[in-house]
Amino acid sequence: MKETTEIPLKFQKALDKYFLIYFTERNYKELEMFLSKNFFAYGTGRDEHVYTKTEALTVFQRDLTSAPNPMNYSFLKKAFQVLNDSTAIFQGELKTETQILGEYFSFNHLRLTLVFHQEGDQIKLVAKHISLPTTEHEEGESYPLKELDEQRRIKQQGMEFRF
């Protein structure tokens, strides 16, 4: 993997285009053309696991219909790795804000991985993974140990009260 602080212009333009059409414009048609024919993804919704572009477009349509307003975003962290002349990966942590059904809504610490690949003379988005950290985990935990320990103590106390 070739790490660099220099992001080739073609990949920077692709990244900027993705953020423009997905977060700012919320533009389904542009998004449809920007996705590779081999696109696959995971989203934050329980059923947002797509293995074909057709499945992805169904989820994107729901996403854009449910939350049609532009999303303000700011990067908390970001990294870009160029794998070779035709493939690059973006990884970032963002805060997003928008209005849905007239109510303020935000995702804090939204984690996003995007894989870009050159197809002919165009850079396409070929894979996306977006996730949110669980609320059960404490900082420094790979598993929700404090919450599990608390559940265990509550169960033990319940057993003690029965006898």
Protein backbone atom coordinates (compact mmCIF):
# COMPACT_ATOMS: atom_id res chain seq x y z
CA MET A 1 0.00 0.00 0.00
CA LYS A 2 1.47 3.32 -1.04
CA GLU A 3 0.87 5.89 1.70
CA THR A 4 1.18 9.50 0.68
CA THR A 5 0.27 12.94 1.87
CA GLU A 6 -0.26 13.89 -1.77
CA ILE A 7 -3.65 12.87 -3.09
CA PRO A 8 -3.73 12.64 -6.88
CA LEU A 9 -6.10 15.25 -8.25
CA LYS A 10 -8.36 12.66 -9.90
CA PHE A 11 -9.07 11.02 -6.53
CA GLN A 12 -9.49 14.34 -4.71
CA LYS A 13 -12.01 15.41 -7.35
CA ALA A 14 -13.89 12.11 -6.95
CA LEU A 15 -14.03 12.53 -3.19
CA ASP A 16 -15.25 16.13 -3.51
CA LYS A 17 -17.84 15.04 -6.06
CA TYR A 18 -19.17 12.31 -3.76
CA PHE A 19 -19.59 14.71 -0.85
CA LEU A 20 -21.26 17.28 -3.11
CA ILE A 21 -23.80 14.92 -4.71
CA TYR A 22 -24.52 12.82 -1.62
CA PHE A 23 -24.36 15.22 1.34
CA THR A 24 -24.99 18.65 -0.18
CA GLU A 25 -27.13 18.16 -3.29
CA ARG A 26 -28.75 14.86 -2.21
CA ASN A 27 -28.88 14.07 -5.94
CA TYR A 28 -30.02 10.53 -6.80
CA LYS A 29 -29.39 10.77 -10.57
CA GLU A 30 -25.82 11.99 -10.13
CA LEU A 31 -25.19 9.37 -7.47
CA GLU A 32 -26.49 6.64 -9.76
CA MET A 33 -24.02 7.67 -12.48
CA PHE A 34 -21.15 8.00 -9.98
CA LEU A 35 -21.45 4.43 -8.67
CA SER A 36 -19.48 1.64 -10.29
CA LYS A 37 -21.52 -1.13 -11.90
CA ASN A 38 -19.83 -3.38 -9.28
CA PHE A 39 -20.78 -1.17 -6.30
CA PHE A 40 -21.48 -2.73 -2.89
CA ALA A 41 -21.94 -1.23 0.56
CA TYR A 42 -22.92 -1.35 4.20
CA GLY A 43 -24.91 1.49 5.74
CA THR A 44 -26.07 2.36 9.24
CA GLY A 45 -29.59 0.95 8.84
CA ARG A 46 -30.30 -2.61 9.96
CA ASP A 47 -31.11 -3.68 6.38
CA GLU A 48 -28.48 -1.58 4.64
CA HIS A 49 -26.27 -4.39 3.37
CA VAL A 50 -26.13 -4.31 -0.40
CA TYR A 51 -24.15 -6.49 -2.75
CA THR A 52 -25.26 -5.05 -6.09
CA LYS A 53 -25.65 -1.58 -7.54
CA THR A 54 -29.39 -2.23 -7.99
CA GLU A 55 -29.81 -3.01 -4.27
CA ALA A 56 -27.72 0.04 -3.40
CA LEU A 57 -29.86 2.34 -5.50
CA THR A 58 -33.00 1.15 -3.67
CA VAL A 59 -31.39 1.99 -0.33
CA PHE A 60 -30.08 5.34 -1.62
CA GLN A 61 -33.55 6.23 -2.90
CA ARG A 62 -35.02 5.54 0.55
CA ASP A 63 -32.20 7.50 2.20
CA LEU A 64 -32.65 10.55 -0.02
CA THR A 65 -36.45 10.44 0.25
CA SER A 66 -36.36 10.10 4.05
CA ALA A 67 -33.87 12.93 4.48
CA PRO A 68 -34.02 15.16 1.40
CA ASN A 69 -32.43 18.25 2.94
CA PRO A 70 -28.73 19.01 2.50
CA MET A 71 -26.50 17.63 5.23
CA ASN A 72 -23.86 19.84 6.75
CA TYR A 73 -20.75 17.87 7.53
CA SER A 74 -17.41 18.44 9.15
CA PHE A 75 -14.48 16.08 9.32
CA LEU A 76 -13.25 15.02 12.73
CA LYS A 77 -10.53 12.84 11.19
CA LYS A 78 -9.70 11.77 7.67
CA ALA A 79 -7.11 9.77 5.76
CA PHE A 80 -6.59 8.88 2.13
CA GLN A 81 -4.51 5.99 0.82
CA VAL A 82 -3.62 5.49 -2.79
CA LEU A 83 -3.27 1.77 -3.51
CA ASN A 84 -2.16 2.13 -7.13
CA ASP A 85 -2.76 4.38 -10.12
CA SER A 86 -6.39 3.28 -10.41
CA THR A 87 -7.56 2.67 -6.82
CA ALA A 88 -7.69 4.76 -3.64
CA ILE A 89 -9.39 4.51 -0.26
CA PHE A 90 -10.82 7.32 1.86
CA GLN A 91 -11.46 6.82 5.55
CA GLY A 92 -13.00 9.50 7.72
CA GLU A 93 -14.92 10.33 10.83
CA LEU A 94 -17.55 13.04 10.44
CA LYS A 95 -20.24 14.97 12.18
CA THR A 96 -23.36 15.50 10.05
CA GLU A 97 -26.35 17.74 10.69
CA THR A 98 -29.64 18.20 8.87
CA GLN A 99 -33.36 18.61 9.38
CA ILE A 100 -35.66 15.62 9.00
CA LEU A 101 -39.43 16.06 9.36
CA GLY A 102 -38.72 19.58 10.61
CA GLU A 103 -36.52 18.31 13.43
CA TYR A 104 -32.78 18.79 13.93
CA PHE A 105 -30.87 15.54 13.43
CA SER A 106 -27.17 14.75 13.69
CA PHE A 107 -24.80 11.84 13.48
CA ASN A 108 -21.76 12.34 15.67
CA HIS A 109 -18.65 10.32 14.90
CA LEU A 110 -20.10 8.84 11.70
CA ARG A 111 -17.40 6.54 10.30
CA LEU A 112 -17.05 6.28 6.56
CA THR A 113 -14.85 4.25 4.22
CA LEU A 114 -15.02 4.82 0.46
CA VAL A 115 -13.17 2.90 -2.26
CA PHE A 116 -12.64 4.69 -5.56
CA HIS A 117 -11.55 2.94 -8.73
CA GLN A 118 -10.80 4.24 -12.20
CA GLU A 119 -13.05 2.73 -14.87
CA GLY A 120 -11.96 3.93 -18.28
CA ASP A 121 -11.47 7.68 -17.99
CA GLN A 122 -13.78 8.09 -14.96
CA ILE A 123 -13.27 7.55 -11.25
CA LYS A 124 -16.20 5.61 -9.78
CA LEU A 125 -17.22 4.75 -6.25
CA VAL A 126 -16.97 0.97 -5.98
CA ALA A 127 -17.51 0.37 -2.24
CA LYS A 128 -18.81 2.20 0.81
CA HIS A 129 -18.98 1.30 4.47
CA ILE A 130 -20.61 3.67 6.92
CA SER A 131 -21.05 2.97 10.62
CA LEU A 132 -21.67 4.48 14.02
CA PRO A 133 -19.98 3.47 17.26
CA THR A 134 -22.32 1.74 19.68
CA THR A 135 -23.48 3.67 22.70
CA GLU A 136 -22.75 0.69 24.95
CA HIS A 137 -18.99 0.79 24.47
CA GLU A 138 -16.87 2.94 26.75
CA GLU A 139 -13.72 4.62 25.46
CA GLY A 140 -10.93 2.06 25.26
CA GLU A 141 -13.24 -0.98 25.03
CA SER A 142 -13.44 -3.37 22.08
CA TYR A 143 -16.48 -4.98 23.71
CA PRO A 144 -19.01 -3.33 26.08
CA LEU A 145 -17.32 -4.78 29.17
CA LYS A 146 -18.65 -2.24 31.70
CA GLU A 147 -22.22 -2.72 30.48
CA LEU A 148 -21.89 -6.53 30.52
CA ASP A 149 -20.43 -6.41 34.02
CA GLU A 150 -23.36 -4.25 35.16
CA GLN A 151 -25.86 -6.71 33.63
CA ARG A 152 -24.09 -9.59 35.38
CA ARG A 153 -24.27 -7.79 38.74
CA ILE A 154 -27.99 -7.06 38.28
CA LYS A 155 -28.66 -10.74 37.49
CA GLN A 156 -26.68 -11.83 40.55
CA GLN A 157 -28.61 -9.41 42.76
CA GLY A 158 -31.89 -10.75 41.36
CA MET A 159 -30.82 -14.30 42.22
CA GLU A 160 -29.88 -13.25 45.75
CA PHE A 161 -33.32 -11.67 46.31
CA ARG A 162 -35.09 -14.90 45.31
CA PHE A 163 -33.52 -16.92 48.12
